[in-house]
Amino acid sequence: MRAQTKAIVIALSLAFTASTVAVSAAEAQQRGERYRVKVCDKTKGTKGTIIGGLTGGTLGAAVAGNGAKTEGAVLGGVVGAIAGNQIAKKKKCHYEYRYRR
């Protein structure tokens, strides 16, 4: 019986805490004080393109066989540049609160 009473008290205190946080956030939005915004910084991927192209060209020349080093380097460079660009292009997002005046 005592364990059930403890569980009920803990559940009620957690529910009260959660409802208080939700109510205070809703009140802040109604008063127009603060609001949450998602801010994203997007990178261009230039460094990834250069590094991927150089790496791909080097590996393409090393892997290509029977006198096809130039074609292997060109093909490896193009594939490496495309892959490096796509890997380097990423969004860095975070949430921040802003205040209305």
N, C-alpha and C. Protein backbone atom coordinates (compact mmCIF):
# COMPACT_ATOMS: atom_id res chain seq x y z
N MET A 1 0.82 -1.19 0.00
CA MET A 1 0.00 0.00 0.00
C MET A 1 0.87 1.26 0.00
N ARG A 2 1.96 1.20 0.75
CA ARG A 2 2.81 2.36 0.86
C ARG A 2 3.50 2.66 -0.48
N ALA A 3 3.91 1.63 -1.22
CA ALA A 3 4.55 1.80 -2.52
C ALA A 3 3.59 2.44 -3.52
N GLN A 4 2.31 2.05 -3.44
CA GLN A 4 1.31 2.65 -4.33
C GLN A 4 1.12 4.13 -4.02
N THR A 5 1.14 4.48 -2.77
CA THR A 5 0.99 5.88 -2.38
C THR A 5 2.17 6.71 -2.88
N LYS A 6 3.39 6.16 -2.75
CA LYS A 6 4.56 6.86 -3.27
C LYS A 6 4.46 7.06 -4.78
N ALA A 7 4.04 6.02 -5.48
CA ALA A 7 3.92 6.10 -6.93
C ALA A 7 2.90 7.15 -7.34
N ILE A 8 1.80 7.22 -6.62
CA ILE A 8 0.76 8.22 -6.93
C ILE A 8 1.28 9.62 -6.67
N VAL A 9 1.98 9.82 -5.56
CA VAL A 9 2.52 11.14 -5.23
C VAL A 9 3.54 11.57 -6.28
N ILE A 10 4.42 10.67 -6.68
CA ILE A 10 5.42 11.00 -7.69
C ILE A 10 4.76 11.32 -9.03
N ALA A 11 3.77 10.53 -9.42
CA ALA A 11 3.08 10.79 -10.69
C ALA A 11 2.37 12.13 -10.67
N LEU A 12 1.73 12.46 -9.56
CA LEU A 12 1.05 13.75 -9.46
C LEU A 12 2.03 14.91 -9.49
N SER A 13 3.16 14.78 -8.82
CA SER A 13 4.14 15.87 -8.83
C SER A 13 4.74 16.06 -10.22
N LEU A 14 5.01 14.96 -10.93
CA LEU A 14 5.52 15.09 -12.30
C LEU A 14 4.48 15.71 -13.23
N ALA A 15 3.24 15.33 -13.08
CA ALA A 15 2.18 15.90 -13.91
C ALA A 15 2.01 17.38 -13.63
N PHE A 16 2.10 17.76 -12.38
CA PHE A 16 1.98 19.18 -12.02
C PHE A 16 3.13 19.99 -12.60
N THR A 17 4.34 19.44 -12.52
CA THR A 17 5.51 20.13 -13.07
C THR A 17 5.38 20.30 -14.58
N ALA A 18 4.99 19.26 -15.28
CA ALA A 18 4.84 19.33 -16.74
C ALA A 18 3.76 20.32 -17.14
N SER A 19 2.66 20.34 -16.41
CA SER A 19 1.58 21.27 -16.77
C SER A 19 1.99 22.71 -16.47
N THR A 20 2.78 22.93 -15.43
CA THR A 20 3.24 24.28 -15.11
C THR A 20 4.15 24.81 -16.20
N VAL A 21 5.06 23.97 -16.70
CA VAL A 21 5.96 24.39 -17.77
C VAL A 21 5.17 24.70 -19.04
N ALA A 22 4.21 23.86 -19.38
CA ALA A 22 3.42 24.08 -20.59
C ALA A 22 2.59 25.35 -20.48
N VAL A 23 2.01 25.60 -19.31
CA VAL A 23 1.19 26.79 -19.13
C VAL A 23 2.05 28.05 -19.19
N SER A 24 3.24 28.04 -18.57
CA SER A 24 4.08 29.24 -18.59
C SER A 24 4.57 29.54 -20.00
N ALA A 25 4.88 28.51 -20.81
CA ALA A 25 5.29 28.73 -22.19
C ALA A 25 4.14 29.28 -23.02
N ALA A 26 2.95 28.75 -22.81
CA ALA A 26 1.78 29.25 -23.54
C ALA A 26 1.47 30.70 -23.17
N GLU A 27 1.59 31.03 -21.90
CA GLU A 27 1.35 32.41 -21.47
C GLU A 27 2.37 33.36 -22.09
N ALA A 28 3.62 32.95 -22.18
CA ALA A 28 4.65 33.80 -22.77
C ALA A 28 4.35 34.06 -24.25
N GLN A 29 3.85 33.04 -24.95
CA GLN A 29 3.52 33.23 -26.35
C GLN A 29 2.31 34.14 -26.51
N GLN A 30 1.33 34.03 -25.64
CA GLN A 30 0.15 34.87 -25.75
C GLN A 30 0.49 36.33 -25.48
N ARG A 31 1.39 36.57 -24.56
CA ARG A 31 1.77 37.94 -24.26
C ARG A 31 2.69 38.51 -25.32
N GLY A 32 3.23 37.65 -26.20
CA GLY A 32 4.10 38.12 -27.26
C GLY A 32 5.50 38.41 -26.80
N GLU A 33 5.94 37.76 -25.75
CA GLU A 33 7.26 38.05 -25.22
C GLU A 33 8.37 37.33 -25.99
N ARG A 34 8.28 36.02 -26.11
CA ARG A 34 9.33 35.30 -26.81
C ARG A 34 8.73 34.17 -27.64
N TYR A 35 9.49 33.77 -28.66
CA TYR A 35 9.08 32.67 -29.51
C TYR A 35 10.32 31.95 -30.00
N ARG A 36 10.16 30.69 -30.36
CA ARG A 36 11.27 29.84 -30.78
C ARG A 36 11.39 29.85 -32.29
N VAL A 37 12.63 29.98 -32.79
CA VAL A 37 12.90 30.03 -34.21
C VAL A 37 14.00 29.03 -34.54
N LYS A 38 13.83 28.34 -35.66
CA LYS A 38 14.87 27.42 -36.14
C LYS A 38 15.77 28.19 -37.10
N VAL A 39 17.07 28.25 -36.78
CA VAL A 39 18.04 28.99 -37.57
C VAL A 39 19.00 27.99 -38.20
N CYS A 40 19.17 28.07 -39.52
CA CYS A 40 20.05 27.14 -40.23
C CYS A 40 21.14 27.90 -40.97
N ASP A 41 22.36 27.41 -40.84
CA ASP A 41 23.48 27.94 -41.60
C ASP A 41 23.88 26.87 -42.61
N LYS A 42 23.87 27.23 -43.88
CA LYS A 42 24.17 26.27 -44.93
C LYS A 42 25.57 26.53 -45.47
N THR A 43 26.39 25.50 -45.57
CA THR A 43 27.72 25.64 -46.13
C THR A 43 27.68 25.40 -47.63
N LYS A 44 28.61 25.98 -48.36
CA LYS A 44 28.62 25.87 -49.81
C LYS A 44 29.26 24.58 -50.31
N GLY A 45 30.19 24.03 -49.58
CA GLY A 45 30.81 22.77 -49.98
C GLY A 45 32.00 22.94 -50.89
N THR A 46 32.61 24.13 -50.94
CA THR A 46 33.73 24.37 -51.83
C THR A 46 34.96 23.57 -51.42
N LYS A 47 35.24 23.56 -50.14
CA LYS A 47 36.42 22.81 -49.66
C LYS A 47 36.25 21.32 -49.92
N GLY A 48 35.06 20.81 -49.73
CA GLY A 48 34.81 19.39 -49.99
C GLY A 48 34.98 19.03 -51.45
N THR A 49 34.60 19.95 -52.33
CA THR A 49 34.76 19.71 -53.77
C THR A 49 36.23 19.61 -54.14
N ILE A 50 37.03 20.52 -53.61
CA ILE A 50 38.46 20.53 -53.93
C ILE A 50 39.15 19.29 -53.36
N ILE A 51 38.89 19.00 -52.11
CA ILE A 51 39.54 17.85 -51.48
C ILE A 51 39.08 16.55 -52.13
N GLY A 52 37.79 16.43 -52.41
CA GLY A 52 37.27 15.23 -53.07
C GLY A 52 37.83 15.05 -54.46
N GLY A 53 37.96 16.15 -55.21
CA GLY A 53 38.52 16.06 -56.57
C GLY A 53 39.97 15.62 -56.56
N LEU A 54 40.77 16.19 -55.65
CA LEU A 54 42.18 15.80 -55.57
C LEU A 54 42.34 14.35 -55.13
N THR A 55 41.58 13.97 -54.12
CA THR A 55 41.66 12.59 -53.63
C THR A 55 41.18 11.60 -54.68
N GLY A 56 40.06 11.92 -55.31
CA GLY A 56 39.53 11.04 -56.35
C GLY A 56 40.45 10.92 -57.54
N GLY A 57 41.08 12.01 -57.93
CA GLY A 57 42.02 11.96 -59.05
C GLY A 57 43.23 11.11 -58.73
N THR A 58 43.74 11.24 -57.52
CA THR A 58 44.90 10.45 -57.11
C THR A 58 44.55 8.96 -57.05
N LEU A 59 43.41 8.65 -56.43
CA LEU A 59 43.00 7.24 -56.35
C LEU A 59 42.65 6.67 -57.73
N GLY A 60 42.03 7.50 -58.58
CA GLY A 60 41.68 7.03 -59.92
C GLY A 60 42.90 6.69 -60.75
N ALA A 61 43.96 7.52 -60.62
CA ALA A 61 45.20 7.24 -61.35
C ALA A 61 45.89 6.00 -60.80
N ALA A 62 45.78 5.79 -59.49
CA ALA A 62 46.43 4.62 -58.89
C ALA A 62 45.71 3.32 -59.23
N VAL A 63 44.39 3.37 -59.33
CA VAL A 63 43.60 2.16 -59.57
C VAL A 63 43.55 1.79 -61.05
N ALA A 64 43.59 2.81 -61.92
CA ALA A 64 43.47 2.55 -63.36
C ALA A 64 44.65 1.70 -63.83
N GLY A 65 44.37 0.84 -64.78
CA GLY A 65 45.43 -0.06 -65.23
C GLY A 65 45.69 0.04 -66.71
N ASN A 66 46.82 -0.54 -67.14
CA ASN A 66 47.20 -0.69 -68.54
C ASN A 66 47.22 0.63 -69.30
N GLY A 67 47.93 1.62 -68.79
CA GLY A 67 48.13 2.87 -69.51
C GLY A 67 46.94 3.80 -69.53
N ALA A 68 45.93 3.56 -68.74
CA ALA A 68 44.76 4.43 -68.73
C ALA A 68 44.78 5.33 -67.49
N LYS A 69 45.98 5.79 -67.12
CA LYS A 69 46.12 6.60 -65.90
C LYS A 69 45.41 7.94 -66.05
N THR A 70 45.47 8.54 -67.20
CA THR A 70 44.85 9.86 -67.40
C THR A 70 43.34 9.76 -67.29
N GLU A 71 42.76 8.78 -67.97
CA GLU A 71 41.31 8.61 -67.91
C GLU A 71 40.86 8.27 -66.49
N GLY A 72 41.63 7.44 -65.80
CA GLY A 72 41.31 7.09 -64.42
C GLY A 72 41.39 8.29 -63.50
N ALA A 73 42.39 9.15 -63.72
CA ALA A 73 42.53 10.35 -62.90
C ALA A 73 41.39 11.32 -63.15
N VAL A 74 41.01 11.50 -64.40
CA VAL A 74 39.92 12.42 -64.73
C VAL A 74 38.59 11.91 -64.17
N LEU A 75 38.31 10.65 -64.41
CA LEU A 75 37.06 10.07 -63.91
C LEU A 75 37.03 10.06 -62.39
N GLY A 76 38.13 9.69 -61.77
CA GLY A 76 38.19 9.70 -60.31
C GLY A 76 38.06 11.10 -59.74
N GLY A 77 38.65 12.08 -60.42
CA GLY A 77 38.54 13.47 -59.98
C GLY A 77 37.12 13.98 -60.05
N VAL A 78 36.41 13.66 -61.12
CA VAL A 78 35.02 14.12 -61.26
C VAL A 78 34.14 13.46 -60.22
N VAL A 79 34.27 12.16 -60.06
CA VAL A 79 33.45 11.46 -59.07
C VAL A 79 33.79 11.93 -57.66
N GLY A 80 35.07 12.11 -57.39
CA GLY A 80 35.49 12.59 -56.07
C GLY A 80 35.00 14.00 -55.77
N ALA A 81 35.02 14.87 -56.79
CA ALA A 81 34.54 16.24 -56.59
C ALA A 81 33.04 16.26 -56.31
N ILE A 82 32.28 15.47 -57.02
CA ILE A 82 30.84 15.41 -56.79
C ILE A 82 30.53 14.86 -55.39
N ALA A 83 31.22 13.78 -55.03
CA ALA A 83 30.99 13.19 -53.71
C ALA A 83 31.42 14.14 -52.61
N GLY A 84 32.57 14.79 -52.76
CA GLY A 84 33.04 15.73 -51.76
C GLY A 84 32.12 16.92 -51.59
N ASN A 85 31.56 17.39 -52.69
CA ASN A 85 30.62 18.52 -52.63
C ASN A 85 29.35 18.14 -51.88
N GLN A 86 28.82 16.97 -52.16
CA GLN A 86 27.58 16.54 -51.50
C GLN A 86 27.80 16.24 -50.01
N ILE A 87 28.97 15.73 -49.68
CA ILE A 87 29.26 15.46 -48.27
C ILE A 87 29.46 16.78 -47.52
N ALA A 88 30.13 17.74 -48.14
CA ALA A 88 30.44 19.00 -47.45
C ALA A 88 29.22 19.92 -47.34
N LYS A 89 28.25 19.77 -48.25
CA LYS A 89 27.05 20.61 -48.17
C LYS A 89 26.14 20.07 -47.09
N LYS A 90 26.12 20.74 -45.98
CA LYS A 90 25.23 20.30 -44.91
C LYS A 90 24.69 21.52 -44.19
N LYS A 91 23.58 21.31 -43.54
CA LYS A 91 22.94 22.37 -42.79
C LYS A 91 23.27 22.21 -41.32
N LYS A 92 23.64 23.30 -40.71
CA LYS A 92 23.82 23.31 -39.26
C LYS A 92 22.66 24.09 -38.69
N CYS A 93 21.75 23.41 -38.01
CA CYS A 93 20.55 24.05 -37.50
C CYS A 93 20.53 24.00 -35.97
N HIS A 94 19.96 25.04 -35.42
CA HIS A 94 19.73 25.08 -33.98
C HIS A 94 18.50 25.95 -33.72
N TYR A 95 17.93 25.79 -32.55
CA TYR A 95 16.77 26.58 -32.16
C TYR A 95 17.22 27.69 -31.22
N GLU A 96 16.61 28.84 -31.38
CA GLU A 96 16.89 29.94 -30.46
C GLU A 96 15.60 30.68 -30.18
N TYR A 97 15.58 31.34 -29.05
CA TYR A 97 14.42 32.11 -28.67
C TYR A 97 14.63 33.57 -29.02
N ARG A 98 13.60 34.18 -29.58
CA ARG A 98 13.65 35.60 -29.90
C ARG A 98 12.50 36.29 -29.18
N TYR A 99 12.70 37.54 -28.91
CA TYR A 99 11.71 38.30 -28.15
C TYR A 99 11.06 39.34 -29.05
N ARG A 100 9.76 39.46 -28.89
CA ARG A 100 9.01 40.49 -29.61
C ARG A 100 9.03 41.78 -28.81
N ARG A 101 8.97 42.88 -29.50
CA ARG A 101 8.97 44.17 -28.80
C ARG A 101 7.64 44.84 -28.91
